[in-house]
C-alpha atoms as a PDB file:
ATOM      1  CA  MET A   1       0.000   0.000   0.000  1.00  0.00           C
ATOM      2  CA  ALA A   2       1.299   3.427  -0.840  1.00  0.00           C
ATOM      3  CA  GLY A   3       0.348   4.805   2.587  1.00  0.00           C
ATOM      4  CA  GLY A   4       1.801   1.888   4.588  1.00  0.00           C
ATOM      5  CA  GLY A   5       0.117  -0.973   6.390  1.00  0.00           C
ATOM      6  CA  THR A   6      -0.330  -4.569   5.315  1.00  0.00           C
ATOM      7  CA  GLY A   7      -3.482  -4.211   3.262  1.00  0.00           C
ATOM      8  CA  VAL A   8      -5.146  -7.139   5.077  1.00  0.00           C
ATOM      9  CA  ALA A   9      -7.869  -7.171   7.719  1.00  0.00           C
ATOM     10  CA  THR A  10      -6.529 -10.111   9.753  1.00  0.00           C
ATOM     11  CA  LEU A  11      -3.110 -11.652  10.376  1.00  0.00           C
ATOM     12  CA  THR A  12      -2.034 -15.162  11.344  1.00  0.00           C
ATOM     13  CA  GLU A  13      -1.847 -15.229  15.140  1.00  0.00           C
ATOM     14  CA  ASN A  14       1.837 -15.375  16.170  1.00  0.00           C
ATOM     15  CA  GLY A  15       2.974 -15.373  12.546  1.00  0.00           C
ATOM     16  CA  ILE A  16       5.871 -13.117  11.556  1.00  0.00           C
ATOM     17  CA  LEU A  17       5.632 -10.494   8.807  1.00  0.00           C
ATOM     18  CA  PHE A  18       8.354 -10.369   6.150  1.00  0.00           C
ATOM     19  CA  GLY A  19       9.055  -8.157   3.179  1.00  0.00           C
ATOM     20  CA  ASN A  20       7.997  -9.541  -0.174  1.00  0.00           C
ATOM     21  CA  GLY A  21       9.496  -7.090  -2.681  1.00  0.00           C
ATOM     22  CA  THR A  22       6.766  -5.271  -4.570  1.00  0.00           C
ATOM     23  CA  SER A  23       4.151  -7.903  -3.599  1.00  0.00           C
ATOM     24  CA  ALA A  24       2.008  -7.872  -0.480  1.00  0.00           C
ATOM     25  CA  VAL A  25       3.679  -8.376   2.901  1.00  0.00           C
ATOM     26  CA  GLY A  26       4.255 -12.091   3.613  1.00  0.00           C
ATOM     27  CA  ILE A  27       3.321 -13.852   6.839  1.00  0.00           C
ATOM     28  CA  THR A  28       4.960 -17.024   8.127  1.00  0.00           C
ATOM     29  CA  ALA A  29       3.110 -20.002   9.501  1.00  0.00           C
ATOM     30  CA  VAL A  30       3.337 -20.321  13.272  1.00  0.00           C
ATOM     31  CA  GLY A  31       6.466 -22.022  14.554  1.00  0.00           C
ATOM     32  CA  THR A  32       6.648 -24.564  17.352  1.00  0.00           C
ATOM     33  CA  ALA A  33       8.690 -24.505  20.547  1.00  0.00           C
ATOM     34  CA  THR A  34      11.412 -26.634  18.952  1.00  0.00           C
ATOM     35  CA  HIS A  35      11.811 -24.665  15.705  1.00  0.00           C
ATOM     36  CA  VAL A  36      13.690 -21.506  14.708  1.00  0.00           C
ATOM     37  CA  LEU A  37      12.960 -18.993  11.951  1.00  0.00           C
ATOM     38  CA  THR A  38      15.292 -19.898   9.095  1.00  0.00           C
ATOM     39  CA  SER A  39      16.332 -18.118   5.910  1.00  0.00           C
ATOM     40  CA  ASN A  40      15.755 -20.218   2.808  1.00  0.00           C
ATOM     41  CA  GLY A  41      18.008 -18.038   0.637  1.00  0.00           C
ATOM     42  CA  ALA A  42      17.484 -14.934  -1.442  1.00  0.00           C
ATOM     43  CA  GLY A  43      14.041 -14.630  -2.974  1.00  0.00           C
ATOM     44  CA  VAL A  44      12.512 -17.410  -0.848  1.00  0.00           C
ATOM     45  CA  ALA A  45      10.246 -16.836   2.148  1.00  0.00           C
ATOM     46  CA  PRO A  46      11.638 -17.707   5.597  1.00  0.00           C
ATOM     47  CA  THR A  47      10.112 -20.683   7.408  1.00  0.00           C
ATOM     48  CA  PHE A  48      10.242 -22.240  10.851  1.00  0.00           C
ATOM     49  CA  GLN A  49      12.439 -25.355  10.864  1.00  0.00           C
ATOM     50  CA  ALA A  50      14.160 -27.627  13.357  1.00  0.00           C
ATOM     51  CA  ALA A  51      17.405 -26.031  14.523  1.00  0.00           C
ATOM     52  CA  ALA A  52      20.422 -27.310  12.616  1.00  0.00           C
ATOM     53  CA  GLY A  53      23.036 -29.111  14.678  1.00  0.00           C
ATOM     54  CA  GLY A  54      26.683 -28.200  14.886  1.00  0.00           C
ATOM     55  CA  GLY A  55      28.356 -24.887  15.230  1.00  0.00           C
ATOM     56  CA  GLY A  56      29.182 -25.437  18.880  1.00  0.00           C
ATOM     57  CA  LEU A  57      32.430 -26.337  20.576  1.00  0.00           C
ATOM     58  CA  ALA A  58      33.467 -29.905  21.213  1.00  0.00           C
ATOM     59  CA  TRP A  59      34.651 -30.692  24.721  1.00  0.00           C
ATOM     60  CA  GLY A  60      38.371 -30.172  25.007  1.00  0.00           C
ATOM     61  CA  ALA A  61      38.344 -27.507  22.261  1.00  0.00           C
ATOM     62  CA  SER A  62      40.168 -24.214  22.696  1.00  0.00           C
ATOM     63  CA  ILE A  63      38.797 -20.726  22.145  1.00  0.00           C
ATOM     64  CA  SER A  64      41.290 -18.134  20.932  1.00  0.00           C
ATOM     65  CA  SER A  65      40.806 -14.391  21.146  1.00  0.00           C
ATOM     66  CA  GLY A  66      43.347 -13.778  18.388  1.00  0.00           C
ATOM     67  CA  SER A  67      45.651 -11.941  20.781  1.00  0.00           C
ATOM     68  CA  GLY A  68      47.702 -14.951  21.729  1.00  0.00           C
ATOM     69  CA  THR A  69      45.535 -15.871  24.703  1.00  0.00           C
ATOM     70  CA  GLY A  70      43.055 -18.692  24.725  1.00  0.00           C
ATOM     71  CA  ILE A  71      40.666 -20.625  26.914  1.00  0.00           C
ATOM     72  CA  ALA A  72      40.758 -24.395  27.157  1.00  0.00           C
ATOM     73  CA  MET A  73      37.673 -26.111  28.578  1.00  0.00           C
ATOM     74  CA  THR A  74      37.019 -29.760  29.435  1.00  0.00           C
ATOM     75  CA  THR A  75      34.112 -31.535  31.067  1.00  0.00           C
ATOM     76  CA  ALA A  76      36.038 -31.322  34.371  1.00  0.00           C
ATOM     77  CA  ASP A  77      35.520 -27.530  34.260  1.00  0.00           C
ATOM     78  CA  LEU A  78      31.748 -27.915  34.651  1.00  0.00           C
END
């Protein structure tokens, strides 16, 4: 709409609005407690999906600040 707003009378309860280029504003489906809002790439609407694994630290891994100092953590540190 030229003056702003969504142009719709009702919205999906707990859905999330997203930009849709020159088309109407998009609205996601409702996610569940175990899902996260995920990008599906350029030009594709975001959706709620199960969180991807990985990306964390393995026990015994080191974290480096880049300044020559680091932190080593093992399960004994818990």
